[in-house]
Amino acid sequence: MFNFTDGFFNKVEKKTNVDKNTILELAKKLQQNDLKNEGTLREIVQELGKMTGKEVSKEKEDKIVNAVIHDEVPKDINKFF
């Protein structure tokens, strides 16, 4: 796993209002699940939306799930959204 500093987590929390423990729990969940499983991916996408206070439309969810399943996630994630 990556070795992130508290400074990194502070920056993420400031931008997203998601605390370090929540991020670490999500990372653990991601590691323990099959990310090619559509149901798991949809759960994670919705959970991320709730965490960040952003509504994820069905269209955006479909786009994210399909990209992950087909290994089409861009290296620059900002281009994805």
N, C-alpha and C. Protein backbone atom coordinates (compact mmCIF):
# COMPACT_ATOMS: atom_id res chain seq x y z
N MET A 1 0.85 -1.18 0.00
CA MET A 1 0.00 0.00 0.00
C MET A 1 0.89 1.24 0.00
N PHE A 2 0.35 2.32 -0.46
CA PHE A 2 1.09 3.57 -0.52
C PHE A 2 1.35 4.09 0.88
N ASN A 3 2.41 4.84 1.02
CA ASN A 3 2.76 5.45 2.30
C ASN A 3 2.45 6.94 2.22
N PHE A 4 1.21 7.31 2.51
CA PHE A 4 0.79 8.70 2.44
C PHE A 4 1.06 9.39 3.76
N THR A 5 1.41 10.65 3.68
CA THR A 5 1.66 11.44 4.88
C THR A 5 0.35 12.06 5.36
N ASP A 6 0.37 12.52 6.60
CA ASP A 6 -0.81 13.20 7.13
C ASP A 6 -1.12 14.45 6.32
N GLY A 7 -0.08 15.08 5.77
CA GLY A 7 -0.28 16.27 4.93
C GLY A 7 -1.14 15.95 3.73
N PHE A 8 -0.89 14.78 3.12
CA PHE A 8 -1.70 14.35 1.98
C PHE A 8 -3.15 14.20 2.40
N PHE A 9 -3.38 13.50 3.50
CA PHE A 9 -4.75 13.29 3.97
C PHE A 9 -5.43 14.61 4.33
N ASN A 10 -4.67 15.54 4.91
CA ASN A 10 -5.23 16.85 5.24
C ASN A 10 -5.69 17.59 3.99
N LYS A 11 -4.89 17.52 2.92
CA LYS A 11 -5.27 18.15 1.66
C LYS A 11 -6.53 17.52 1.08
N VAL A 12 -6.60 16.20 1.10
CA VAL A 12 -7.77 15.50 0.58
C VAL A 12 -9.00 15.86 1.41
N GLU A 13 -8.85 15.85 2.72
CA GLU A 13 -9.98 16.17 3.59
C GLU A 13 -10.47 17.60 3.35
N LYS A 14 -9.55 18.52 3.16
CA LYS A 14 -9.91 19.91 2.93
C LYS A 14 -10.71 20.06 1.63
N LYS A 15 -10.31 19.31 0.60
CA LYS A 15 -10.99 19.41 -0.70
C LYS A 15 -12.31 18.64 -0.73
N THR A 16 -12.39 17.52 0.00
CA THR A 16 -13.54 16.63 -0.15
C THR A 16 -14.40 16.51 1.10
N ASN A 17 -13.92 16.97 2.24
CA ASN A 17 -14.60 16.77 3.53
C ASN A 17 -14.69 15.30 3.92
N VAL A 18 -13.79 14.48 3.39
CA VAL A 18 -13.72 13.06 3.73
C VAL A 18 -12.47 12.86 4.59
N ASP A 19 -12.66 12.33 5.80
CA ASP A 19 -11.52 12.21 6.72
C ASP A 19 -10.63 11.01 6.42
N LYS A 20 -9.47 11.02 7.03
CA LYS A 20 -8.44 10.00 6.81
C LYS A 20 -8.97 8.59 7.07
N ASN A 21 -9.67 8.39 8.16
CA ASN A 21 -10.17 7.05 8.49
C ASN A 21 -11.15 6.54 7.44
N THR A 22 -11.98 7.41 6.92
CA THR A 22 -12.93 7.02 5.88
C THR A 22 -12.19 6.62 4.61
N ILE A 23 -11.15 7.39 4.27
CA ILE A 23 -10.34 7.07 3.09
C ILE A 23 -9.66 5.72 3.26
N LEU A 24 -9.10 5.48 4.43
CA LEU A 24 -8.41 4.21 4.68
C LEU A 24 -9.38 3.03 4.66
N GLU A 25 -10.58 3.22 5.19
CA GLU A 25 -11.59 2.15 5.15
C GLU A 25 -11.99 1.85 3.71
N LEU A 26 -12.15 2.89 2.91
CA LEU A 26 -12.50 2.69 1.50
C LEU A 26 -11.36 1.96 0.78
N ALA A 27 -10.13 2.35 1.05
CA ALA A 27 -8.98 1.68 0.43
C ALA A 27 -8.95 0.20 0.79
N LYS A 28 -9.26 -0.10 2.04
CA LYS A 28 -9.30 -1.50 2.49
C LYS A 28 -10.39 -2.25 1.74
N LYS A 29 -11.55 -1.64 1.60
CA LYS A 29 -12.67 -2.26 0.88
C LYS A 29 -12.30 -2.51 -0.57
N LEU A 30 -11.60 -1.55 -1.18
CA LEU A 30 -11.18 -1.71 -2.58
C LEU A 30 -10.21 -2.88 -2.73
N GLN A 31 -9.31 -3.02 -1.77
CA GLN A 31 -8.33 -4.11 -1.84
C GLN A 31 -8.98 -5.48 -1.68
N GLN A 32 -10.04 -5.54 -0.90
CA GLN A 32 -10.65 -6.82 -0.56
C GLN A 32 -11.72 -7.26 -1.55
N ASN A 33 -12.04 -6.44 -2.53
CA ASN A 33 -13.12 -6.77 -3.45
C ASN A 33 -12.62 -6.89 -4.87
N ASP A 34 -13.41 -7.58 -5.65
CA ASP A 34 -13.13 -7.77 -7.07
C ASP A 34 -13.65 -6.55 -7.82
N LEU A 35 -12.74 -5.75 -8.33
CA LEU A 35 -13.14 -4.53 -9.01
C LEU A 35 -13.62 -4.77 -10.44
N LYS A 36 -13.71 -6.00 -10.83
CA LYS A 36 -14.31 -6.33 -12.13
C LYS A 36 -15.77 -6.75 -11.93
N ASN A 37 -16.21 -6.80 -10.68
CA ASN A 37 -17.59 -7.15 -10.35
C ASN A 37 -18.44 -5.89 -10.42
N GLU A 38 -19.40 -5.89 -11.32
CA GLU A 38 -20.22 -4.70 -11.55
C GLU A 38 -20.96 -4.24 -10.30
N GLY A 39 -21.50 -5.17 -9.54
CA GLY A 39 -22.23 -4.82 -8.32
C GLY A 39 -21.34 -4.14 -7.31
N THR A 40 -20.15 -4.67 -7.12
CA THR A 40 -19.18 -4.08 -6.19
C THR A 40 -18.81 -2.67 -6.64
N LEU A 41 -18.53 -2.52 -7.93
CA LEU A 41 -18.16 -1.21 -8.45
C LEU A 41 -19.27 -0.18 -8.25
N ARG A 42 -20.50 -0.58 -8.50
CA ARG A 42 -21.62 0.35 -8.34
C ARG A 42 -21.76 0.77 -6.88
N GLU A 43 -21.59 -0.17 -5.97
CA GLU A 43 -21.63 0.16 -4.54
C GLU A 43 -20.57 1.18 -4.18
N ILE A 44 -19.35 0.97 -4.68
CA ILE A 44 -18.23 1.85 -4.36
C ILE A 44 -18.45 3.23 -4.96
N VAL A 45 -18.93 3.29 -6.19
CA VAL A 45 -19.19 4.59 -6.82
C VAL A 45 -20.24 5.36 -6.02
N GLN A 46 -21.31 4.69 -5.62
CA GLN A 46 -22.35 5.37 -4.84
C GLN A 46 -21.83 5.79 -3.47
N GLU A 47 -21.02 4.95 -2.85
CA GLU A 47 -20.43 5.27 -1.56
C GLU A 47 -19.53 6.50 -1.66
N LEU A 48 -18.73 6.56 -2.72
CA LEU A 48 -17.87 7.73 -2.93
C LEU A 48 -18.71 8.99 -3.14
N GLY A 49 -19.79 8.86 -3.87
CA GLY A 49 -20.68 10.00 -4.08
C GLY A 49 -21.24 10.51 -2.77
N LYS A 50 -21.69 9.60 -1.92
CA LYS A 50 -22.23 9.99 -0.61
C LYS A 50 -21.16 10.64 0.26
N MET A 51 -19.96 10.05 0.24
CA MET A 51 -18.86 10.58 1.06
C MET A 51 -18.54 12.02 0.70
N THR A 52 -18.55 12.29 -0.59
CA THR A 52 -18.14 13.61 -1.07
C THR A 52 -19.30 14.58 -1.23
N GLY A 53 -20.52 14.08 -1.00
CA GLY A 53 -21.69 14.94 -1.13
C GLY A 53 -22.04 15.24 -2.58
N LYS A 54 -21.59 14.40 -3.49
CA LYS A 54 -21.87 14.60 -4.91
C LYS A 54 -22.85 13.54 -5.38
N GLU A 55 -23.83 13.99 -6.14
CA GLU A 55 -24.77 13.03 -6.71
C GLU A 55 -24.16 12.44 -7.97
N VAL A 56 -24.20 11.13 -8.08
CA VAL A 56 -23.67 10.43 -9.24
C VAL A 56 -24.86 9.97 -10.07
N SER A 57 -24.99 10.56 -11.24
CA SER A 57 -26.11 10.19 -12.12
C SER A 57 -25.92 8.75 -12.60
N LYS A 58 -27.00 8.16 -13.06
CA LYS A 58 -26.95 6.79 -13.60
C LYS A 58 -25.99 6.75 -14.79
N GLU A 59 -26.03 7.79 -15.61
CA GLU A 59 -25.16 7.86 -16.78
C GLU A 59 -23.68 7.89 -16.38
N LYS A 60 -23.36 8.72 -15.39
CA LYS A 60 -21.97 8.83 -14.93
C LYS A 60 -21.54 7.52 -14.26
N GLU A 61 -22.42 6.92 -13.47
CA GLU A 61 -22.11 5.64 -12.83
C GLU A 61 -21.81 4.59 -13.89
N ASP A 62 -22.65 4.51 -14.92
CA ASP A 62 -22.43 3.54 -16.00
C ASP A 62 -21.08 3.76 -16.67
N LYS A 63 -20.75 5.03 -16.91
CA LYS A 63 -19.49 5.37 -17.56
C LYS A 63 -18.30 4.92 -16.71
N ILE A 64 -18.36 5.18 -15.43
CA ILE A 64 -17.28 4.80 -14.51
C ILE A 64 -17.14 3.29 -14.45
N VAL A 65 -18.26 2.60 -14.24
CA VAL A 65 -18.24 1.13 -14.12
C VAL A 65 -17.70 0.50 -15.40
N ASN A 66 -18.18 0.94 -16.54
CA ASN A 66 -17.71 0.36 -17.81
C ASN A 66 -16.23 0.62 -18.03
N ALA A 67 -15.76 1.80 -17.68
CA ALA A 67 -14.34 2.12 -17.86
C ALA A 67 -13.47 1.23 -16.98
N VAL A 68 -13.88 1.01 -15.74
CA VAL A 68 -13.08 0.17 -14.83
C VAL A 68 -13.09 -1.28 -15.30
N ILE A 69 -14.26 -1.79 -15.64
CA ILE A 69 -14.37 -3.19 -16.07
C ILE A 69 -13.54 -3.45 -17.32
N HIS A 70 -13.50 -2.49 -18.22
CA HIS A 70 -12.79 -2.67 -19.49
C HIS A 70 -11.39 -2.06 -19.49
N ASP A 71 -10.86 -1.77 -18.30
CA ASP A 71 -9.51 -1.21 -18.16
C ASP A 71 -9.30 0.03 -19.03
N GLU A 72 -10.29 0.92 -19.03
CA GLU A 72 -10.21 2.13 -19.84
C GLU A 72 -10.13 3.39 -18.98
N VAL A 73 -9.67 3.25 -17.74
CA VAL A 73 -9.55 4.41 -16.87
C VAL A 73 -8.32 5.19 -17.30
N PRO A 74 -8.50 6.48 -17.63
CA PRO A 74 -7.35 7.27 -18.07
C PRO A 74 -6.35 7.49 -16.95
N LYS A 75 -5.11 7.68 -17.31
CA LYS A 75 -4.07 7.93 -16.32
C LYS A 75 -4.32 9.26 -15.61
N ASP A 76 -4.84 10.26 -16.33
CA ASP A 76 -5.20 11.55 -15.74
C ASP A 76 -6.68 11.49 -15.42
N ILE A 77 -7.01 11.17 -14.17
CA ILE A 77 -8.40 10.96 -13.77
C ILE A 77 -9.26 12.20 -13.98
N ASN A 78 -8.66 13.39 -14.00
CA ASN A 78 -9.42 14.61 -14.23
C ASN A 78 -10.06 14.62 -15.62
N LYS A 79 -9.44 13.96 -16.59
CA LYS A 79 -10.00 13.87 -17.93
C LYS A 79 -11.23 12.97 -17.96
N PHE A 80 -11.33 12.07 -17.00
CA PHE A 80 -12.44 11.13 -16.96
C PHE A 80 -13.73 11.84 -16.58
N PHE A 81 -13.64 12.82 -15.72
CA PHE A 81 -14.81 13.53 -15.25
C PHE A 81 -14.93 14.84 -15.96
